[in-house]
N, C-alpha and C. Protein backbone atom coordinates (compact mmCIF):
# COMPACT_ATOMS: atom_id res chain seq x y z
N MET A 1 176.22 -62.05 61.87
CA MET A 1 175.69 -61.09 62.54
C MET A 1 174.72 -62.15 63.67
N LEU A 2 174.41 -63.34 63.03
CA LEU A 2 173.55 -64.13 63.99
C LEU A 2 174.73 -64.57 65.27
N ASN A 3 175.85 -64.63 64.77
CA ASN A 3 176.80 -65.46 65.93
C ASN A 3 177.02 -64.16 66.84
N LEU A 4 176.62 -63.18 66.51
CA LEU A 4 176.92 -62.24 68.02
C LEU A 4 175.79 -62.61 68.73
N PHE A 5 174.68 -62.63 68.21
CA PHE A 5 173.46 -62.83 69.40
C PHE A 5 173.65 -64.03 70.03
N ALA A 6 174.32 -64.92 69.53
CA ALA A 6 174.70 -66.16 70.03
C ALA A 6 175.92 -66.09 71.31
N ASP A 7 176.34 -64.96 71.15
CA ASP A 7 177.53 -65.16 71.85
C ASP A 7 176.86 -64.49 73.58
N PRO A 8 177.05 -65.17 74.60
CA PRO A 8 176.20 -64.45 75.96
C PRO A 8 177.11 -63.08 76.34
N THR A 9 178.37 -63.18 76.38
CA THR A 9 179.42 -61.85 76.43
C THR A 9 178.44 -60.47 75.43
N PHE A 10 178.27 -60.71 74.42
CA PHE A 10 177.79 -59.54 73.80
C PHE A 10 176.38 -59.49 74.07
N VAL A 11 175.58 -60.16 74.03
CA VAL A 11 174.15 -60.24 74.79
C VAL A 11 174.22 -59.38 75.81
N VAL A 12 175.00 -59.76 76.69
CA VAL A 12 175.23 -59.12 78.29
C VAL A 12 175.61 -57.62 78.02
N ALA A 13 176.98 -57.15 77.35
CA ALA A 13 177.06 -56.04 77.13
C ALA A 13 175.95 -54.99 76.43
N THR A 14 175.47 -55.79 75.65
CA THR A 14 174.29 -54.78 74.78
C THR A 14 173.15 -54.69 76.12
N ALA A 15 172.85 -55.65 76.78
CA ALA A 15 171.68 -55.53 77.76
C ALA A 15 171.98 -54.60 78.96
N PHE A 16 173.44 -54.36 79.02
CA PHE A 16 174.10 -53.51 80.11
C PHE A 16 174.23 -52.08 79.69
N PHE A 17 174.51 -51.85 78.34
CA PHE A 17 174.48 -50.18 77.89
C PHE A 17 173.11 -50.19 77.51
N GLY A 18 172.23 -51.20 77.21
CA GLY A 18 170.82 -50.50 76.84
C GLY A 18 170.35 -50.13 78.37
N PHE A 19 170.25 -51.01 79.32
CA PHE A 19 170.10 -50.83 80.62
C PHE A 19 170.43 -49.29 80.73
N PHE A 20 171.80 -48.72 80.74
CA PHE A 20 172.34 -47.55 81.36
C PHE A 20 171.32 -46.56 80.33
N ALA A 21 171.44 -47.07 79.15
CA ALA A 21 170.85 -45.94 77.75
C ALA A 21 169.37 -45.49 78.39
N LEU A 22 168.46 -46.47 79.00
CA LEU A 22 167.37 -46.58 79.30
C LEU A 22 167.46 -45.59 80.84
N ILE A 23 168.32 -46.01 81.43
CA ILE A 23 168.09 -45.30 83.05
C ILE A 23 168.56 -44.04 82.62
N ILE A 24 169.44 -43.51 81.51
CA ILE A 24 169.82 -42.08 81.33
C ILE A 24 168.67 -41.37 80.31
N TYR A 25 167.90 -42.37 79.74
CA TYR A 25 166.78 -41.77 78.84
C TYR A 25 165.61 -41.14 79.79
N LEU A 26 165.46 -42.28 80.77
CA LEU A 26 164.08 -41.75 81.88
C LEU A 26 164.57 -40.97 82.96
N LYS A 27 165.95 -40.29 82.64
CA LYS A 27 166.63 -39.27 83.65
C LYS A 27 166.35 -39.98 85.22
N VAL A 28 166.62 -41.20 85.33
CA VAL A 28 166.71 -41.91 86.78
C VAL A 28 167.98 -40.99 87.33
N PRO A 29 169.08 -40.55 86.75
CA PRO A 29 170.23 -40.10 87.73
C PRO A 29 169.42 -38.89 88.38
N GLY A 30 168.90 -37.98 87.31
CA GLY A 30 168.25 -36.80 88.04
C GLY A 30 167.53 -36.78 89.07
N MET A 31 166.64 -37.77 88.77
CA MET A 31 165.51 -38.25 89.90
C MET A 31 165.90 -38.80 91.52
N ILE A 32 167.33 -39.41 90.72
CA ILE A 32 167.89 -40.08 92.23
C ILE A 32 168.55 -38.87 92.74
N GLY A 33 169.41 -37.78 91.94
CA GLY A 33 169.83 -36.63 92.54
C GLY A 33 168.64 -35.90 93.50
N LYS A 34 167.80 -35.72 92.79
CA LYS A 34 166.64 -34.61 93.36
C LYS A 34 166.41 -35.62 94.63
N SER A 35 166.05 -36.66 94.51
CA SER A 35 165.63 -37.68 95.43
C SER A 35 166.76 -37.22 96.73
N LEU A 36 168.16 -37.41 96.50
CA LEU A 36 169.27 -37.50 97.70
C LEU A 36 168.92 -36.20 97.76
N ASP A 37 168.95 -34.83 97.23
CA ASP A 37 169.10 -33.41 97.35
C ASP A 37 167.87 -33.22 98.33
N SER A 38 166.29 -33.71 97.98
CA SER A 38 165.61 -33.26 98.88
C SER A 38 165.80 -34.33 100.55
N ARG A 39 166.35 -35.08 100.05
CA ARG A 39 166.02 -36.10 101.23
C ARG A 39 167.42 -35.34 102.06
N ALA A 40 168.46 -34.82 101.68
CA ALA A 40 169.62 -34.35 102.13
C ALA A 40 169.16 -32.74 103.19
N GLU A 41 168.38 -32.14 101.90
CA GLU A 41 167.62 -31.40 102.47
C GLU A 41 166.55 -31.13 103.80
N LYS A 42 166.19 -32.34 103.73
CA LYS A 42 164.71 -32.99 104.83
C LYS A 42 165.86 -32.79 106.05
N ILE A 43 167.37 -33.54 105.83
CA ILE A 43 167.94 -34.03 106.93
C ILE A 43 168.50 -32.63 107.75
N LYS A 44 168.76 -31.72 106.52
CA LYS A 44 169.47 -30.46 107.08
C LYS A 44 168.50 -29.67 107.76
N THR A 45 167.45 -29.74 107.46
CA THR A 45 166.01 -29.03 108.26
C THR A 45 165.88 -29.49 109.62
N GLU A 46 165.90 -31.05 109.12
CA GLU A 46 165.51 -31.64 110.58
C GLU A 46 166.88 -31.39 111.59
N ILE A 47 168.08 -31.51 111.25
CA ILE A 47 169.13 -31.12 112.19
C ILE A 47 169.00 -29.52 112.52
N GLU A 48 168.75 -28.82 111.76
CA GLU A 48 168.45 -27.41 112.15
C GLU A 48 167.29 -26.99 113.26
N GLN A 49 166.37 -28.06 113.09
CA GLN A 49 165.14 -28.04 114.02
C GLN A 49 165.73 -28.68 115.35
N ALA A 50 166.69 -29.78 114.97
CA ALA A 50 166.68 -30.49 116.35
C ALA A 50 168.17 -29.36 117.39
N GLU A 51 168.83 -28.72 116.61
CA GLU A 51 169.85 -27.75 117.25
C GLU A 51 169.13 -26.56 117.52
N THR A 52 168.16 -25.66 117.31
CA THR A 52 167.10 -24.94 117.52
C THR A 52 166.27 -25.59 119.03
N ILE A 53 165.90 -26.79 118.93
CA ILE A 53 165.04 -27.31 120.06
C ILE A 53 166.17 -27.76 121.13
N CYS A 54 167.54 -27.97 120.64
CA CYS A 54 168.28 -28.27 121.77
C CYS A 54 168.65 -27.10 122.57
N LYS A 55 168.71 -26.05 121.53
CA LYS A 55 169.36 -24.67 121.98
C LYS A 55 168.19 -24.19 122.98
N GLU A 56 166.76 -24.44 122.52
CA GLU A 56 165.64 -24.09 123.32
C GLU A 56 165.92 -24.61 124.84
N ALA A 57 166.36 -26.14 124.81
CA ALA A 57 165.91 -26.87 125.76
C ALA A 57 167.29 -26.32 126.98
N GLN A 58 168.07 -26.10 126.11
CA GLN A 58 169.25 -25.60 126.93
C GLN A 58 169.21 -24.24 128.05
N ASP A 59 168.33 -23.27 127.18
CA ASP A 59 167.80 -22.00 127.76
C ASP A 59 166.82 -22.25 128.92
N LEU A 60 165.95 -23.21 128.62
CA LEU A 60 165.16 -23.54 129.88
C LEU A 60 165.56 -24.28 130.99
N LEU A 61 166.72 -24.88 130.30
CA LEU A 61 167.57 -25.90 131.58
C LEU A 61 168.19 -24.69 132.39
N SER A 62 168.92 -23.69 131.71
CA SER A 62 169.30 -22.55 132.47
C SER A 62 168.07 -21.73 133.06
N GLN A 63 167.54 -21.42 132.75
CA GLN A 63 166.20 -20.87 133.16
C GLN A 63 165.94 -21.79 134.34
N TYR A 64 165.85 -22.68 134.61
CA TYR A 64 165.16 -23.60 135.46
C TYR A 64 166.10 -23.69 136.86
N GLN A 65 167.51 -23.75 136.16
CA GLN A 65 168.45 -23.91 137.35
C GLN A 65 168.63 -22.56 137.85
N LYS A 66 168.38 -21.47 137.22
CA LYS A 66 168.56 -20.14 137.92
C LYS A 66 167.50 -20.26 138.85
N LYS A 67 166.11 -20.54 138.34
CA LYS A 67 164.80 -20.12 139.39
C LYS A 67 165.09 -21.35 140.40
N GLN A 68 165.79 -22.61 140.31
CA GLN A 68 165.95 -23.19 141.52
C GLN A 68 166.77 -22.41 142.16
N ARG A 69 167.97 -21.88 141.91
CA ARG A 69 168.93 -21.36 142.62
C ARG A 69 168.44 -20.16 143.37
N GLU A 70 167.39 -19.60 142.93
CA GLU A 70 166.56 -18.40 143.49
C GLU A 70 165.80 -18.95 144.68
N ALA A 71 165.11 -20.06 144.32
CA ALA A 71 164.05 -21.06 145.17
C ALA A 71 164.87 -21.43 146.48
N VAL A 72 166.10 -21.81 146.26
CA VAL A 72 166.91 -22.22 147.24
C VAL A 72 166.93 -20.70 147.90
N LYS A 73 167.93 -20.07 147.49
CA LYS A 73 168.17 -18.66 148.39
C LYS A 73 166.80 -18.11 149.17
N GLU A 74 165.85 -18.28 148.31
CA GLU A 74 164.43 -17.55 148.95
C GLU A 74 164.21 -18.51 150.01
N ALA A 75 164.50 -20.01 149.87
CA ALA A 75 164.02 -20.91 151.31
C ALA A 75 164.84 -20.75 152.34
N GLU A 76 166.09 -20.30 152.14
CA GLU A 76 167.20 -20.29 153.00
C GLU A 76 167.14 -18.88 154.01
N SER A 77 166.37 -17.85 152.95
CA SER A 77 165.91 -16.59 153.63
C SER A 77 164.79 -16.84 154.48
N ILE A 78 163.76 -17.70 153.98
CA ILE A 78 162.43 -18.21 154.36
C ILE A 78 163.11 -18.92 155.85
N VAL A 79 163.90 -19.42 155.89
CA VAL A 79 164.24 -20.20 157.12
C VAL A 79 165.08 -19.27 158.37
N LYS A 80 166.19 -18.66 157.61
CA LYS A 80 166.79 -17.67 158.48
C LYS A 80 165.90 -16.77 159.13
N ASN A 81 164.91 -15.87 158.30
CA ASN A 81 163.79 -15.27 159.14
C ASN A 81 163.10 -16.15 160.21
N ALA A 82 162.51 -17.42 159.77
CA ALA A 82 162.11 -17.83 160.86
C ALA A 82 162.57 -18.31 162.08
N GLU A 83 163.93 -18.66 161.63
CA GLU A 83 165.06 -18.83 163.00
C GLU A 83 165.06 -17.16 163.89
N ASP A 84 165.31 -16.53 163.17
CA ASP A 84 165.46 -14.81 163.70
C ASP A 84 163.98 -14.65 164.73
N GLU A 85 162.99 -14.74 163.79
CA GLU A 85 161.39 -14.74 164.27
C GLU A 85 161.34 -15.68 165.63
N ALA A 86 161.79 -16.77 165.60
CA ALA A 86 161.61 -17.58 166.74
C ALA A 86 162.69 -17.27 168.08
N ALA A 87 163.78 -16.75 167.62
CA ALA A 87 164.76 -16.29 168.89
C ALA A 87 164.18 -15.17 169.18
N ARG A 88 163.48 -14.50 168.41
CA ARG A 88 162.88 -12.75 169.01
C ARG A 88 161.62 -13.50 169.97
N MET A 89 160.91 -14.12 169.33
CA MET A 89 159.71 -14.45 170.30
C MET A 89 160.00 -15.19 171.65
N ILE A 90 161.27 -15.98 171.72
CA ILE A 90 161.67 -16.70 172.74
C ILE A 90 162.43 -15.57 173.77
N GLU A 91 162.79 -14.48 173.03
CA GLU A 91 163.49 -13.19 174.07
C GLU A 91 162.27 -12.58 174.77
N GLU A 92 161.05 -12.38 173.65
CA GLU A 92 160.24 -11.66 174.21
C GLU A 92 159.46 -12.62 175.46
N GLY A 93 159.28 -13.79 174.95
CA GLY A 93 158.70 -14.54 176.29
C GLY A 93 159.37 -14.41 177.10
N LYS A 94 160.87 -14.51 177.17
CA LYS A 94 161.73 -14.36 178.50
C LYS A 94 161.16 -12.90 179.29
N ASN A 95 161.19 -12.18 178.55
CA ASN A 95 161.39 -10.59 178.87
C ASN A 95 160.02 -10.93 179.33
N GLN A 96 158.74 -11.31 178.72
CA GLN A 96 157.51 -11.08 179.46
C GLN A 96 157.28 -11.89 180.97
N LEU A 97 157.93 -12.87 180.94
CA LEU A 97 158.03 -13.76 181.82
C LEU A 97 158.65 -13.50 183.13
N ASP A 98 159.65 -12.61 182.95
CA ASP A 98 160.53 -12.00 183.88
C ASP A 98 159.98 -10.88 184.31
N GLY A 99 159.16 -9.96 183.58
CA GLY A 99 158.27 -8.93 183.89
C GLY A 99 157.04 -9.51 184.83
N ALA A 100 156.47 -10.77 184.50
CA ALA A 100 155.44 -11.25 185.22
C ALA A 100 156.01 -11.76 186.46
N LEU A 101 157.13 -12.46 186.75
CA LEU A 101 157.45 -12.67 187.57
C LEU A 101 157.91 -11.42 188.79
N GLN A 102 158.47 -10.35 188.26
CA GLN A 102 158.86 -9.45 188.96
C GLN A 102 157.56 -8.70 189.68
N ARG A 103 156.71 -8.78 188.73
CA ARG A 103 155.38 -8.01 189.38
C ARG A 103 154.67 -8.83 190.51
N ARG A 104 154.54 -10.39 190.28
CA ARG A 104 154.21 -11.09 191.29
C ARG A 104 154.82 -10.93 192.63
N GLU A 105 156.38 -10.96 192.40
CA GLU A 105 157.45 -10.75 193.51
C GLU A 105 156.76 -9.17 194.20
N GLN A 106 156.64 -8.42 193.60
CA GLN A 106 156.45 -7.16 194.20
C GLN A 106 154.78 -7.34 194.97
N VAL A 107 153.64 -7.90 194.09
CA VAL A 107 152.68 -8.30 194.90
C VAL A 107 152.64 -8.71 196.14
N ALA A 108 153.50 -10.02 196.02
CA ALA A 108 154.09 -10.62 197.05
C ALA A 108 154.59 -10.01 198.09
N GLU A 109 155.47 -9.15 198.06
CA GLU A 109 156.43 -8.42 199.01
C GLU A 109 155.12 -7.38 199.62
N GLN A 110 154.40 -6.93 198.61
CA GLN A 110 153.22 -6.02 199.42
C GLN A 110 152.44 -6.57 200.43
N ARG A 111 152.24 -7.90 199.71
CA ARG A 111 151.02 -8.57 200.73
C ARG A 111 151.74 -8.74 202.04
N ILE A 112 152.92 -8.94 202.16
CA ILE A 112 153.89 -9.44 203.10
C ILE A 112 153.90 -8.00 204.26
N LYS A 113 154.35 -7.10 203.66
CA LYS A 113 154.35 -5.79 204.18
C LYS A 113 153.26 -5.45 205.00
N GLN A 114 151.83 -5.61 204.26
CA GLN A 114 150.34 -5.61 204.56
C GLN A 114 150.41 -6.57 205.37
N ALA A 115 150.36 -7.36 205.62
CA ALA A 115 150.31 -8.82 206.64
C ALA A 115 151.10 -8.33 208.27
N GLU A 116 152.62 -7.65 207.68
CA GLU A 116 153.12 -7.61 208.52
C GLU A 116 152.58 -6.23 209.64
N THR A 117 152.05 -5.43 208.66
CA THR A 117 151.47 -4.36 209.43
C THR A 117 150.32 -4.59 210.26
N ALA A 118 149.33 -5.38 209.35
CA ALA A 118 148.24 -5.90 210.39
C ALA A 118 148.64 -6.60 211.54
N ALA A 119 149.50 -7.58 211.36
CA ALA A 119 149.68 -8.30 212.51
C ALA A 119 150.45 -7.28 213.54
N LEU A 120 151.26 -6.46 213.24
CA LEU A 120 151.96 -5.44 214.26
C LEU A 120 150.54 -4.29 215.03
N ASP A 121 149.90 -4.17 214.08
CA ASP A 121 148.60 -3.23 214.53
C ASP A 121 147.92 -4.22 215.81
N GLU A 122 147.53 -5.26 215.14
CA GLU A 122 146.67 -6.30 216.01
C GLU A 122 147.76 -6.35 217.41
N ILE A 123 148.97 -6.77 217.26
CA ILE A 123 149.57 -6.84 218.23
C ILE A 123 149.71 -5.57 219.48
N ARG A 124 149.81 -4.44 218.73
CA ARG A 124 149.58 -2.82 219.14
C ARG A 124 148.56 -3.14 220.29
N ASP A 125 146.99 -3.23 219.36
CA ASP A 125 145.84 -3.21 220.16
C ASP A 125 145.75 -4.20 220.97
N GLU A 126 146.34 -5.21 220.99
CA GLU A 126 146.12 -6.61 221.90
C GLU A 126 147.21 -5.92 222.87
N THR A 127 148.12 -5.66 222.66
CA THR A 127 149.07 -4.94 223.90
C THR A 127 148.56 -3.83 224.39
N ALA A 128 147.57 -2.89 223.84
CA ALA A 128 147.00 -1.59 224.62
C ALA A 128 145.92 -2.10 225.46
N HIS A 129 144.93 -3.30 225.10
CA HIS A 129 143.89 -3.63 225.82
C HIS A 129 144.57 -4.67 226.79
N ILE A 130 145.61 -5.57 226.77
CA ILE A 130 146.51 -5.64 227.82
C ILE A 130 146.50 -4.62 229.02
N ALA A 131 147.36 -3.92 228.24
CA ALA A 131 148.06 -2.49 229.16
C ALA A 131 146.79 -1.84 230.40
N VAL A 132 145.64 -2.15 229.26
CA VAL A 132 144.69 -1.15 229.98
C VAL A 132 143.94 -2.18 230.98
N MET A 133 143.93 -2.98 230.82
CA MET A 133 142.95 -4.37 231.85
C MET A 133 144.30 -4.26 232.79
N ALA A 134 145.60 -4.49 232.62
CA ALA A 134 146.21 -4.53 233.85
C ALA A 134 146.36 -2.93 234.73
N THR A 135 146.05 -2.13 233.96
CA THR A 135 146.18 -0.82 234.50
C THR A 135 144.69 -0.91 235.58
N GLU A 136 143.40 -1.09 235.01
CA GLU A 136 142.60 -1.15 235.27
C GLU A 136 142.47 -2.18 237.07
N THR A 137 143.28 -3.33 236.93
CA THR A 137 143.39 -4.17 237.72
C THR A 137 144.23 -3.78 239.01
N ILE A 138 145.21 -3.17 238.35
CA ILE A 138 146.14 -2.38 239.21
C ILE A 138 145.60 -1.28 240.16
N LEU A 139 144.89 -0.35 239.11
CA LEU A 139 143.98 0.79 239.98
C LEU A 139 142.97 0.50 240.90
N ARG A 140 142.57 -0.42 240.45
CA ARG A 140 141.04 -1.07 241.53
C ARG A 140 141.50 -1.48 242.81
N SER A 141 142.86 -2.27 242.57
CA SER A 141 143.36 -2.84 243.84
C SER A 141 144.11 -1.80 244.77
N HIS A 142 144.59 -0.68 244.32
CA HIS A 142 145.35 0.50 244.97
C HIS A 142 144.76 1.48 245.30
N LEU A 143 143.84 1.91 244.50
CA LEU A 143 143.01 3.01 244.66
C LEU A 143 141.87 3.00 245.63
N SER A 144 141.29 4.11 246.08
CA SER A 144 140.39 4.03 246.84
C SER A 144 139.25 4.64 245.95
N THR A 145 138.11 4.57 246.42
CA THR A 145 136.97 4.62 245.72
C THR A 145 136.91 6.59 245.59
N LYS A 146 137.55 7.02 246.38
CA LYS A 146 137.38 8.73 246.21
C LYS A 146 138.68 8.88 245.24
N GLN A 147 139.39 8.30 245.40
CA GLN A 147 140.69 9.02 244.45
C GLN A 147 140.05 8.11 243.02
N SER A 148 139.71 7.34 242.69
CA SER A 148 139.31 6.69 241.36
C SER A 148 138.09 7.85 241.21
N THR A 149 137.09 8.28 241.78
CA THR A 149 136.28 9.53 241.70
C THR A 149 136.56 10.38 240.95
N ALA A 150 137.81 11.01 241.99
CA ALA A 150 138.82 12.11 241.39
C ALA A 150 139.38 12.03 240.27
N LEU A 151 139.94 10.84 239.75
CA LEU A 151 140.55 10.67 238.77
C LEU A 151 140.00 10.70 237.29
N ILE A 152 138.48 10.15 237.82
CA ILE A 152 137.53 10.14 236.49
C ILE A 152 137.17 11.55 236.27
N ASN A 153 136.64 12.33 237.29
CA ASN A 153 136.22 13.64 237.11
C ASN A 153 137.53 14.56 236.13
N ASP A 154 138.49 14.26 236.97
CA ASP A 154 139.82 15.32 236.30
C ASP A 154 139.93 14.59 234.45
N ALA A 155 139.83 13.22 234.36
CA ALA A 155 139.72 13.19 233.04
C ALA A 155 138.70 13.39 232.22
N ILE A 156 137.30 13.52 232.76
CA ILE A 156 136.31 14.04 232.00
C ILE A 156 136.43 15.57 231.69
N ASP A 157 137.07 16.24 232.52
CA ASP A 157 137.56 17.82 232.19
C ASP A 157 138.46 17.75 231.44
N GLN A 158 139.30 16.99 231.10
CA GLN A 158 140.39 16.96 230.27
C GLN A 158 139.96 16.73 228.86
N LEU A 159 138.89 15.93 228.93
CA LEU A 159 138.01 15.49 227.78
C LEU A 159 137.72 16.77 227.14
N ASP A 160 137.00 17.19 227.77
CA ASP A 160 135.94 18.35 227.38
C ASP A 160 137.12 19.51 226.70
N LYS A 161 138.24 19.59 227.38
CA LYS A 161 139.21 20.44 226.81
C LYS A 161 139.75 20.28 225.48
N GLN A 162 139.91 18.92 225.27
CA GLN A 162 140.67 18.25 224.12
C GLN A 162 139.67 18.29 223.06
N LEU A 163 138.44 17.90 223.22
CA LEU A 163 137.50 17.96 222.00
C LEU A 163 137.09 19.53 221.38
N HIS A 164 137.18 20.66 222.49
CA HIS A 164 136.89 21.94 221.79
C HIS A 164 138.06 22.71 221.55
């Protein structure tokens, strides 16, 4: 039997089987299995959490993309409204300018007509004044004092009749 302990193969085989017996006795395979199971469960939980987070991220991404599309539509609507308002304001400004120009033109025409009327009145007055002076000059040179006194008396009589 001593020879058996001297044989290295026997010692290695005995140590090998003893080691496995000790490992089984200490329930190392069960602990390794439990450790692997807990590690697998932990990894499974982390994967589920990652999938949940990924799904939430995709939902958030789709929400933000939807909000972005809505914001783009709203911005386009604002730009269109601003363009429409600017066009309306330009048209309104043109209409106001046309109205103001027409009013100024009418005022200018009225002033021209008034100036024409005033000029014609002045010309009539001046013409009448010249006619009276010419008549007076002609009458003085062609009428005698007696004829002149008779005309004045006749004019005074007619004036009295026209005033009453």
